[in-house]
């Protein structure tokens, strides 16, 4: 985006904010400053690895507290079952397939694209852009994974400050000579890791606390994207000791990493309490995708795992807490999406995204507060190379077909139709019993696909292997 275009964009969203019909919820406390907003994103956690979603092995009191003082969305979804596409949907409020960000690990461009295209399309507006235009100080912390070239850097995507790494994973401990994608950066400059880095989950929280302290008198927006509990499985000894009874070893290590992350969420909460900012801060907690196909993680009772489009791949813990503005201890049972976070956060600040952003998400505040009784979404879509899915009400259709670069998108596996109300574990294909519903959902999926762009990159260097794994992982029979 050129400087001139960015100025025009900032002006346009400012006008949208000034003329938006702000819900009663967002106007509460008129005369006071705008609420702070913090989005906390965990990485690769299993659906059932937190107390509020069924974990009984590792206490997560601080994350649970967010749900107890806010709203737990029991059917919260992300837009992708792997890191990069999921984060791009969250960051833009748009289906990432609309701008070609369909696959994970942007390494090898597809025909017609180059390495310059391996990142979140610069024509897309981000959550950082949106909140900055609303008058917020903005900071991105932790794992970025939205492109490593300078034009994709957080400082070019609406964030005043950045502390974290640009790639997809790295050691939790200091590295002596990290690559550009693995290096911990303060804005654009690598830090001296041997002097500064202790354990990344702690270090990222330290950066958040410092930013909160420095901006306590003005509205701030923090995107706190922990790399926990993504591999490598690095945990502190004191956390491992607290999980000594858990086995196998990999499960014990992930439990220890989860414990550390929960402690750090507690540190953020304590800072807000100490500065008397809790009631004026919207805090969102969610995970980027389902837990991997590994006994170290649990997606129970959902079927599937990271990389799949069964519920275990895309349904995640999803909590919004805003004391005094959102109900306390409420369960919200309609489907919601990470797409909704951009319009929801902008609405909390008193604004509304401009119409020409064409966001796919909706403002959740009136639904969560009870002002609206209908469902936020009539239909939701997913697609990742060969696998696509659509959900409408209780019905979910899963389709495995030739990849989007093929001229003929022939089916590879039979269509699968499930009723999630009757079959939450996704064990029965009822497509033959309900041919009309199957045909209807397939048509809606195909219509949605007409609005999508060509994928800009393959799924990493081993994309042909992952192509076959997609087929294997989406067979109806276990």
Protein backbone atom coordinates (compact mmCIF):
# COMPACT_ATOMS: atom_id res chain seq x y z
CA UNK A 1 0.00 0.00 0.00
CA UNK A 2 1.45 3.38 -0.97
CA UNK A 3 1.69 6.25 1.52
CA UNK A 4 -1.06 8.09 -0.35
CA UNK A 5 -3.33 5.06 -0.37
CA UNK A 6 -2.70 4.42 3.31
CA UNK A 7 -3.65 8.02 4.15
CA UNK A 8 -6.82 7.64 2.12
CA UNK A 9 -7.60 4.41 3.90
CA UNK A 10 -7.04 5.95 7.34
CA UNK A 11 -9.33 8.80 6.38
CA UNK A 12 -11.99 6.40 5.13
CA UNK A 13 -12.07 4.29 8.27
CA UNK A 14 -12.08 7.40 10.40
CA UNK A 15 -15.18 8.58 8.58
CA UNK A 16 -16.73 5.15 8.96
CA UNK A 17 -16.11 5.28 12.67
CA UNK A 18 -17.63 8.72 12.98
CA UNK A 19 -20.80 7.77 11.15
CA UNK A 20 -21.21 4.21 12.41
CA UNK A 21 -24.23 3.20 14.40
CA UNK A 22 -22.44 2.22 17.60
CA UNK A 23 -24.27 -0.39 19.71
CA UNK A 24 -25.43 0.57 23.19
CA UNK A 25 -22.84 -1.86 24.47
CA UNK A 26 -19.93 0.05 22.97
CA UNK A 27 -21.28 3.41 24.15
CA UNK A 28 -21.43 2.33 27.77
CA UNK A 29 -19.38 4.69 29.91
CA UNK A 30 -19.67 7.58 27.45
CA UNK A 31 -17.14 10.26 28.25
CA UNK A 32 -14.49 7.74 29.29
CA UNK A 33 -11.70 6.62 26.99
CA UNK A 34 -12.15 3.84 24.47
CA UNK A 35 -11.66 0.31 25.77
CA UNK A 36 -8.33 -1.44 25.40
CA UNK A 37 -8.31 -4.62 23.32
CA UNK A 38 -6.02 -7.63 23.75
CA UNK A 39 -6.18 -10.71 21.52
CA UNK A 40 -4.30 -13.68 22.97
CA UNK A 41 -3.65 -16.46 20.47
CA UNK A 42 -2.22 -19.82 21.49
CA UNK A 43 -0.57 -22.08 18.94
CA UNK A 44 -1.43 -25.73 18.17
CA UNK A 45 -3.15 -26.39 21.50
CA UNK A 46 -5.60 -29.27 21.64
CA UNK A 47 -9.28 -28.37 21.96
CA UNK A 48 -9.51 -30.16 25.31
CA UNK A 49 -6.23 -28.92 26.74
CA UNK A 50 -7.84 -26.20 28.89
CA UNK A 51 -10.03 -26.47 31.95
CA UNK A 52 -13.02 -24.78 30.31
CA UNK A 53 -12.97 -27.30 27.45
CA UNK A 54 -12.58 -30.44 29.52
CA UNK A 55 -8.94 -30.75 30.58
CA UNK A 56 -8.61 -32.33 34.02
CA UNK A 57 -4.86 -33.00 33.90
CA UNK A 58 -3.40 -29.50 33.88
CA UNK A 59 -5.01 -26.61 35.77
CA UNK A 60 -5.49 -23.52 33.60
CA UNK A 61 -7.08 -21.19 36.17
CA UNK A 62 -6.24 -17.94 34.45
CA UNK A 63 -7.60 -18.88 31.03
CA UNK A 64 -10.60 -20.42 32.76
CA UNK A 65 -11.09 -17.15 34.65
CA UNK A 66 -11.51 -15.29 31.34
CA UNK A 67 -14.41 -17.63 30.53
CA UNK A 68 -15.92 -17.38 34.00
CA UNK A 69 -15.96 -13.58 33.83
CA UNK A 70 -16.93 -13.47 30.15
CA UNK A 71 -18.41 -15.55 27.34
CA UNK A 72 -17.25 -19.01 26.27
CA UNK A 73 -18.15 -19.65 22.64
CA UNK A 74 -18.61 -23.40 22.52
CA UNK A 75 -18.61 -23.50 18.71
CA UNK A 76 -15.75 -21.14 17.95
CA UNK A 77 -14.02 -21.72 14.62
CA UNK A 78 -10.88 -20.59 12.85
CA UNK A 79 -10.71 -20.29 9.07
CA UNK A 80 -7.82 -22.68 8.56
CA UNK A 81 -6.54 -25.86 10.19
CA UNK A 82 -2.91 -24.73 10.03
CA UNK A 83 -0.98 -21.69 11.18
CA UNK A 84 -0.55 -19.31 8.23
CA UNK A 85 -4.02 -19.43 6.65
CA UNK A 86 -5.72 -19.34 10.06
CA UNK A 87 -3.78 -16.23 11.10
CA UNK A 88 -4.47 -14.46 7.81
CA UNK A 89 -8.22 -14.96 8.19
CA UNK A 90 -8.09 -13.68 11.76
CA UNK A 91 -5.90 -10.69 10.90
CA UNK A 92 -8.01 -9.46 7.95
CA UNK A 93 -11.54 -10.52 8.90
CA UNK A 94 -11.80 -12.06 5.43
CA UNK A 95 -11.63 -15.59 4.13
CA UNK A 96 -7.94 -15.87 3.34
CA UNK A 97 -8.74 -17.84 0.19
CA UNK A 98 -10.08 -14.59 -1.30
CA UNK A 99 -6.50 -13.34 -1.59
CA UNK A 100 -4.73 -16.62 -2.29
CA UNK A 101 -3.51 -17.40 1.24
CA UNK A 102 -4.92 -20.91 1.26
CA UNK A 103 -1.96 -23.08 2.12
CA UNK A 104 0.49 -23.24 5.00
CA UNK A 105 4.25 -22.57 4.92
CA UNK A 106 4.58 -19.91 2.17
CA UNK A 107 7.76 -21.21 0.57
CA UNK A 108 7.11 -22.17 -3.06
CA UNK A 109 4.92 -19.91 -5.24
CA UNK A 110 2.32 -21.40 -7.57
CA UNK A 111 2.41 -20.63 -11.32
CA UNK A 112 2.08 -16.91 -11.99
CA UNK A 113 3.42 -15.85 -8.60
CA UNK A 114 6.91 -15.21 -7.25
CA UNK A 115 8.63 -15.14 -3.88
CA UNK A 116 7.46 -11.52 -3.58
CA UNK A 117 3.95 -12.90 -3.18
CA UNK A 118 4.71 -15.15 -0.18
CA UNK A 119 2.80 -13.25 2.48
CA UNK A 120 -0.48 -11.58 3.43
CA UNK A 121 -1.50 -9.55 0.37
CA UNK A 122 -0.55 -5.92 1.00
CA UNK A 123 -3.83 -4.79 -0.54
CA UNK A 124 -5.64 -6.35 2.40
CA UNK A 125 -6.40 -4.28 5.50
CA UNK A 126 -5.44 -5.75 8.85
CA UNK A 127 -6.65 -5.59 12.41
CA UNK A 128 -3.62 -3.43 13.15
CA UNK A 129 -4.71 -0.98 10.45
CA UNK A 130 -8.24 -0.92 11.81
CA UNK A 131 -7.34 -0.27 15.43
CA UNK A 132 -4.62 2.24 14.61
CA UNK A 133 -7.15 4.21 12.57
CA UNK A 134 -9.43 4.21 15.62
CA UNK A 135 -6.75 6.06 17.57
CA UNK A 136 -5.12 3.08 19.27
CA UNK A 137 -1.46 2.41 19.98
CA UNK A 138 -0.88 -1.02 18.47
CA UNK A 139 1.62 -3.79 19.12
CA UNK A 140 2.13 -7.27 17.66
CA UNK A 141 3.96 -9.71 19.93
CA UNK A 142 5.16 -13.25 19.33
CA UNK A 143 4.73 -15.41 16.25
CA UNK A 144 3.88 -13.52 13.04
CA UNK A 145 3.96 -16.08 10.17
CA UNK A 146 2.26 -13.71 7.71
CA UNK A 147 5.30 -13.16 5.51
CA UNK A 148 8.99 -12.51 6.09
CA UNK A 149 9.76 -9.88 3.44
CA UNK A 150 9.96 -6.23 4.62
CA UNK A 151 6.61 -5.33 3.02
CA UNK A 152 4.87 -7.96 5.17
CA UNK A 153 6.50 -6.84 8.43
CA UNK A 154 4.05 -5.88 11.21
CA UNK A 155 5.26 -2.28 11.03
CA UNK A 156 3.88 -2.15 7.48
CA UNK A 157 0.59 -3.78 8.52
CA UNK A 158 -0.72 -1.32 11.09
CA UNK A 159 1.40 -2.06 14.15
CA UNK A 160 3.37 0.67 15.90
CA UNK A 161 5.61 -1.86 17.62
CA UNK A 162 6.66 -5.47 17.13
CA UNK A 163 8.49 -7.91 19.38
CA UNK A 164 8.67 -11.46 18.13
CA UNK A 165 9.73 -13.60 15.17
CA UNK A 166 8.54 -13.65 11.59
CA UNK A 167 8.53 -17.39 10.87
CA UNK A 168 6.43 -20.33 11.98
CA UNK A 169 8.39 -21.96 14.81
CA UNK A 170 11.66 -21.73 16.70
CA UNK A 171 13.37 -22.66 19.96
CA UNK A 172 11.91 -21.26 23.18
CA UNK A 173 15.49 -20.77 24.36
CA UNK A 174 18.11 -18.28 23.07
CA UNK A 175 19.64 -18.94 19.66
CA UNK A 176 23.21 -17.92 18.86
CA UNK A 177 22.89 -17.28 15.13
CA UNK A 178 19.21 -17.42 14.15
CA UNK A 179 18.02 -16.97 10.59
CA UNK A 180 15.89 -13.94 9.72
CA UNK A 181 12.67 -15.91 10.17
CA UNK A 182 13.78 -17.31 13.53
CA UNK A 183 15.41 -14.22 15.04
CA UNK A 184 13.62 -12.35 17.82
CA UNK A 185 13.15 -8.80 16.54
CA UNK A 186 12.41 -5.63 18.39
CA UNK A 187 10.67 -3.80 15.58
CA UNK A 188 13.22 -4.45 12.78
CA UNK A 189 16.36 -5.18 14.79
CA UNK A 190 17.42 -8.58 16.14
CA UNK A 191 17.93 -8.65 19.89
CA UNK A 192 20.97 -10.15 21.60
CA UNK A 193 19.25 -13.39 22.52
CA UNK A 194 21.92 -14.67 24.89
CA UNK A 195 21.49 -11.55 26.99
CA UNK A 196 17.75 -10.98 26.63
CA UNK A 197 15.88 -14.23 26.02
CA UNK A 198 14.97 -16.46 28.99
CA UNK A 199 11.97 -18.47 27.80
CA UNK A 200 9.83 -17.11 24.98
CA UNK A 201 6.45 -17.45 26.65
CA UNK A 202 7.73 -15.34 29.55
CA UNK A 203 9.57 -12.92 27.26
CA UNK A 204 6.52 -12.22 25.10
CA UNK A 205 4.47 -11.54 28.21
CA UNK A 206 7.16 -9.16 29.47
CA UNK A 207 6.84 -7.21 26.22
CA UNK A 208 3.05 -7.04 26.64
CA UNK A 209 3.30 -5.83 30.24
CA UNK A 210 5.80 -3.16 29.26
CA UNK A 211 3.53 -1.94 26.45
CA UNK A 212 0.53 -1.83 28.79
CA UNK A 213 2.50 0.15 31.36
CA UNK A 214 3.73 2.67 28.78
CA UNK A 215 0.25 3.15 27.31
CA UNK A 216 -1.86 3.00 30.45
CA UNK A 217 -3.25 6.48 29.79
CA UNK A 218 -4.34 5.88 26.18
CA UNK A 219 -6.27 3.12 24.40
CA UNK A 220 -4.07 0.27 23.22
CA UNK A 221 -4.45 -2.83 21.08
CA UNK A 222 -2.21 -5.86 21.60
CA UNK A 223 -2.05 -8.92 19.38
CA UNK A 224 -0.26 -11.38 21.69
CA UNK A 225 0.45 -14.47 19.61
CA UNK A 226 2.25 -16.99 21.77
CA UNK A 227 4.11 -19.73 19.92
CA UNK A 228 3.15 -21.98 22.84
CA UNK A 229 2.35 -24.81 22.63
CA UNK A 230 3.70 -25.37 19.11
CA UNK A 231 6.81 -27.54 18.83
CA UNK A 232 9.61 -27.87 19.66
CA UNK A 233 8.45 -29.24 23.00
CA UNK A 234 10.52 -26.97 25.26
CA UNK A 235 9.37 -26.51 28.85
CA UNK A 236 10.93 -25.06 31.99
CA UNK A 237 12.03 -27.52 34.65
CA UNK A 238 9.75 -26.03 37.31
CA UNK A 239 6.73 -26.53 35.03
CA UNK A 240 7.77 -30.08 34.16
CA UNK A 241 8.04 -30.88 37.87
CA UNK A 242 4.47 -29.65 38.39
CA UNK A 243 3.32 -32.10 35.70
CA UNK A 244 5.45 -35.05 36.77
CA UNK A 245 2.52 -37.47 37.05
CA UNK A 246 1.41 -36.97 33.45
CA UNK A 247 2.48 -39.45 30.79
CA UNK A 248 3.69 -40.10 28.17
CA UNK A 249 6.67 -37.72 28.16
CA UNK A 250 5.45 -35.67 25.18
CA UNK A 251 2.10 -35.14 26.89
CA UNK A 252 3.94 -34.08 30.05
CA UNK A 253 6.02 -31.53 28.14
CA UNK A 254 3.00 -30.00 26.40
CA UNK A 255 1.17 -29.89 29.73
CA UNK A 256 4.12 -28.01 31.22
CA UNK A 257 4.15 -25.57 28.29
CA UNK A 258 0.40 -25.07 28.72
CA UNK A 259 0.86 -24.40 32.42
CA UNK A 260 3.48 -21.76 31.61
CA UNK A 261 1.21 -20.07 29.09
CA UNK A 262 -1.66 -20.01 31.57
CA UNK A 263 0.60 -18.46 34.21
CA UNK A 264 1.52 -15.77 31.71
CA UNK A 265 -2.10 -15.06 30.84
CA UNK A 266 -2.48 -14.57 34.59
CA UNK A 267 0.37 -12.06 34.55
CA UNK A 268 -1.47 -10.03 31.90
CA UNK A 269 -4.65 -10.14 33.99
CA UNK A 270 -2.76 -9.08 37.11
CA UNK A 271 -1.26 -6.10 35.26
CA UNK A 272 -4.67 -4.95 34.09
CA UNK A 273 -6.01 -5.31 37.64
CA UNK A 274 -3.09 -3.38 39.13
CA UNK A 275 -3.62 -0.48 36.72
CA UNK A 276 -7.42 -0.58 37.18
CA UNK A 277 -7.85 -1.37 33.48
CA UNK A 278 -9.70 -4.70 33.63
CA UNK A 279 -13.22 -3.30 33.28
CA UNK A 280 -12.14 -1.20 30.33
CA UNK A 281 -10.37 -3.99 28.44
CA UNK A 282 -11.80 -6.52 26.01
CA UNK A 283 -9.68 -9.67 26.18
CA UNK A 284 -10.08 -12.43 23.58
CA UNK A 285 -8.48 -15.85 23.90
CA UNK A 286 -8.46 -18.46 21.14
CA UNK A 287 -6.21 -21.04 19.51
CA UNK A 288 -5.05 -20.96 15.88
CA UNK A 289 -6.12 -24.52 14.94
CA UNK A 290 -6.63 -27.95 16.43
CA UNK A 291 -3.93 -29.90 18.21
CA UNK A 292 -1.57 -31.99 16.04
CA UNK A 293 -1.97 -35.71 15.40
CA UNK A 294 0.14 -36.52 18.41
CA UNK A 295 -0.65 -38.09 21.80
CA UNK A 296 0.79 -34.95 23.39
CA UNK A 297 -2.44 -33.07 22.53
CA UNK A 298 -6.13 -33.79 23.02
CA UNK A 299 -8.97 -32.61 20.79
CA UNK A 300 -11.50 -34.83 22.59
CA UNK A 301 -14.43 -35.21 22.01
CA UNK A 302 -13.90 -33.83 18.52
CA UNK A 303 -12.74 -35.89 15.57
CA UNK A 304 -9.63 -34.87 13.69
CA UNK A 305 -6.54 -32.78 14.32
CA UNK A 306 -4.41 -29.98 12.95
CA UNK A 307 -4.43 -30.03 9.16
CA UNK A 308 -7.85 -31.70 8.93
CA UNK A 309 -11.30 -30.22 8.41
CA UNK A 310 -13.05 -32.44 10.87
CA UNK A 311 -14.16 -30.43 13.90
CA UNK A 312 -10.90 -31.21 15.72
CA UNK A 313 -8.96 -29.28 13.10
CA UNK A 314 -10.93 -26.03 13.08
CA UNK A 315 -13.05 -25.78 16.25
CA UNK A 316 -11.04 -24.11 19.00
CA UNK A 317 -11.33 -22.67 22.51
CA UNK A 318 -12.83 -19.19 21.95
CA UNK A 319 -13.40 -16.73 24.84
CA UNK A 320 -14.34 -13.04 25.02
CA UNK A 321 -14.12 -11.26 28.35
CA UNK A 322 -15.13 -7.64 28.96
CA UNK A 323 -16.35 -7.21 32.56
CA UNK A 324 -19.39 -5.00 32.85
CA UNK A 325 -20.03 -5.03 29.12
CA UNK A 326 -20.40 -8.73 28.29
CA UNK A 327 -22.30 -11.25 30.41
CA UNK A 328 -20.41 -13.12 33.09
CA UNK A 329 -20.04 -16.89 32.81
CA UNK A 330 -22.17 -17.19 29.68
CA UNK A 331 -21.97 -20.04 27.16
CA UNK A 332 -22.75 -19.04 23.60
CA UNK A 333 -23.64 -22.07 21.52
CA UNK A 334 -24.00 -20.70 17.98
CA UNK A 335 -21.05 -20.92 15.55
CA UNK A 336 -18.68 -17.93 15.59
CA UNK A 337 -15.48 -17.39 13.66
CA UNK A 338 -12.06 -15.78 13.97
CA UNK A 339 -13.30 -13.71 11.02
CA UNK A 340 -15.51 -11.91 13.55
CA UNK A 341 -12.70 -10.51 15.67
CA UNK A 342 -11.81 -7.56 13.43
CA UNK A 343 -15.36 -6.15 13.21
CA UNK A 344 -15.98 -6.97 16.88
CA UNK A 345 -12.87 -5.15 18.09
CA UNK A 346 -13.60 -2.15 15.88
CA UNK A 347 -17.17 -2.07 17.19
CA UNK A 348 -15.91 -2.13 20.77
CA UNK A 349 -13.86 0.96 19.93
CA UNK A 350 -16.96 2.72 18.61
CA UNK A 351 -16.42 2.20 14.89
CA UNK A 352 -17.26 0.02 11.94
CA UNK A 353 -15.04 -1.28 9.12
CA UNK A 354 -15.64 0.57 5.82
CA UNK A 355 -17.94 -1.26 3.42
CA UNK A 356 -15.23 -1.50 0.77
CA UNK A 357 -13.18 -3.76 3.04
CA UNK A 358 -15.76 -6.49 2.31
CA UNK A 359 -15.13 -8.25 5.63
CA UNK A 360 -16.66 -11.69 6.01
CA UNK A 361 -16.86 -11.50 9.80
CA UNK A 362 -19.61 -9.90 11.88
CA UNK A 363 -19.67 -7.83 15.07
CA UNK A 364 -20.35 -10.37 17.82
CA UNK A 365 -21.13 -7.90 20.61
CA UNK A 366 -24.92 -7.67 20.14
CA UNK A 367 -25.14 -11.48 19.91
CA UNK A 368 -23.03 -12.15 22.98
CA UNK A 369 -24.79 -9.46 25.01
CA UNK A 370 -28.24 -10.85 24.16
CA UNK A 371 -29.38 -7.82 22.18
CA UNK A 372 -29.77 -10.13 19.20
CA UNK A 373 -31.20 -13.64 19.49
CA UNK A 374 -30.44 -14.91 15.99
CA UNK A 375 -27.26 -16.65 14.81
CA UNK A 376 -24.21 -14.57 13.81
CA UNK A 377 -23.62 -16.77 10.75
CA UNK A 378 -26.08 -18.54 8.48
CA UNK A 379 -23.24 -20.40 6.78
CA UNK A 380 -19.45 -20.86 7.11
CA UNK A 381 -16.91 -22.16 4.59
CA UNK A 382 -13.43 -23.70 4.63
CA UNK A 383 -11.00 -24.81 1.93
CA UNK A 384 -7.43 -26.02 2.08
CA UNK A 385 -6.15 -27.29 -1.27
CA UNK A 386 -7.99 -30.57 -1.85
CA UNK A 387 -10.32 -30.42 1.14
CA UNK A 388 -13.30 -28.10 1.52
CA UNK A 389 -16.15 -27.91 4.00
CA UNK A 390 -19.32 -25.94 4.57
CA UNK A 391 -21.50 -25.68 7.66
CA UNK A 392 -25.10 -24.45 7.74
CA UNK A 393 -26.98 -24.90 11.00
CA UNK A 394 -26.26 -28.44 12.24
CA UNK A 395 -25.36 -29.65 8.75
CA UNK A 396 -21.75 -30.00 7.61
CA UNK A 397 -20.58 -31.13 4.18
CA UNK A 398 -17.02 -32.34 3.59
CA UNK A 399 -15.65 -32.56 0.04
CA UNK A 400 -12.29 -33.94 -1.09
CA UNK A 401 -11.57 -33.08 -4.74
CA UNK A 402 -8.72 -32.28 -7.08
CA UNK A 403 -6.77 -29.21 -6.04
CA UNK A 404 -7.78 -25.65 -7.08
CA UNK A 405 -5.07 -25.43 -9.76
CA UNK A 406 -6.69 -28.25 -11.72
CA UNK A 407 -9.09 -27.46 -14.54
CA UNK A 408 -11.32 -30.39 -13.54
CA UNK A 409 -12.08 -30.62 -9.83
CA UNK A 410 -13.21 -34.25 -9.81
CA UNK A 411 -14.10 -35.84 -6.48
CA UNK A 412 -11.39 -38.00 -4.93
CA UNK A 413 -13.57 -39.34 -2.10
CA UNK A 414 -17.35 -39.58 -1.77
CA UNK A 415 -19.11 -36.51 -0.37
CA UNK A 416 -19.67 -36.66 3.38
CA UNK A 417 -22.71 -35.07 5.03
CA UNK A 418 -23.05 -34.97 8.81
CA UNK A 419 -25.56 -33.59 11.29
CA UNK A 420 -23.46 -32.23 14.17
CA UNK A 421 -26.43 -32.06 16.53
CA UNK A 422 -27.05 -35.79 16.14
CA UNK A 423 -23.46 -36.82 15.53
CA UNK A 424 -20.97 -34.40 17.16
CA UNK A 425 -18.18 -36.96 16.77
CA UNK A 426 -18.63 -37.00 12.95
CA UNK A 427 -18.93 -40.76 12.70
CA UNK A 428 -21.80 -41.16 10.21
CA UNK A 429 -22.12 -40.12 6.58
CA UNK A 430 -25.80 -39.39 5.91
CA UNK A 431 -25.33 -38.02 2.39
CA UNK A 432 -27.36 -40.83 0.81
CA UNK A 433 -30.18 -40.36 3.32
CA UNK A 434 -30.32 -36.62 2.63
CA UNK A 435 -29.45 -36.13 -1.06
CA UNK A 436 -31.32 -32.81 -1.28
CA UNK A 437 -29.33 -31.26 1.58
CA UNK A 438 -26.09 -32.67 0.16
CA UNK A 439 -26.78 -31.13 -3.24
CA UNK A 440 -27.80 -27.80 -1.67
CA UNK A 441 -24.63 -27.46 0.42
CA UNK A 442 -22.40 -28.53 -2.46
CA UNK A 443 -23.95 -25.84 -4.64
CA UNK A 444 -23.37 -23.20 -1.95
CA UNK A 445 -19.76 -24.31 -1.58
CA UNK A 446 -19.18 -24.12 -5.32
CA UNK A 447 -20.79 -20.69 -5.47
CA UNK A 448 -18.49 -19.44 -2.69
CA UNK A 449 -15.49 -20.81 -4.56
CA UNK A 450 -16.27 -18.56 -7.49
CA UNK A 451 -15.19 -15.59 -5.35
CA UNK A 452 -11.80 -17.04 -4.43
CA UNK A 453 -8.36 -16.30 -5.85
CA UNK A 454 -5.81 -18.80 -7.07
CA UNK A 455 -3.65 -20.04 -4.18
CA UNK A 456 -0.39 -18.06 -4.22
CA UNK A 457 1.83 -20.83 -2.82
CA UNK A 458 1.94 -24.56 -2.29
CA UNK A 459 1.85 -26.17 1.15
CA UNK A 460 5.60 -26.03 1.79
CA UNK A 461 8.29 -28.05 0.06
CA UNK A 462 6.59 -31.36 0.87
CA UNK A 463 3.25 -30.29 -0.53
CA UNK A 464 2.81 -33.44 -2.64
CA UNK A 465 3.15 -35.56 0.49
CA UNK A 466 0.63 -33.40 2.36
CA UNK A 467 -1.72 -33.70 -0.61
CA UNK A 468 -1.85 -37.44 -0.09
CA UNK A 469 -2.11 -37.06 3.68
CA UNK A 470 -5.17 -34.86 3.19
CA UNK A 471 -6.92 -37.66 1.35
CA UNK A 472 -5.90 -40.21 3.96
CA UNK A 473 -7.02 -38.03 6.87
CA UNK A 474 -10.45 -37.33 5.39
CA UNK A 475 -11.68 -40.83 4.70
CA UNK A 476 -14.91 -41.41 6.55
CA UNK A 477 -13.85 -44.84 7.82
CA UNK A 478 -11.42 -44.75 10.72
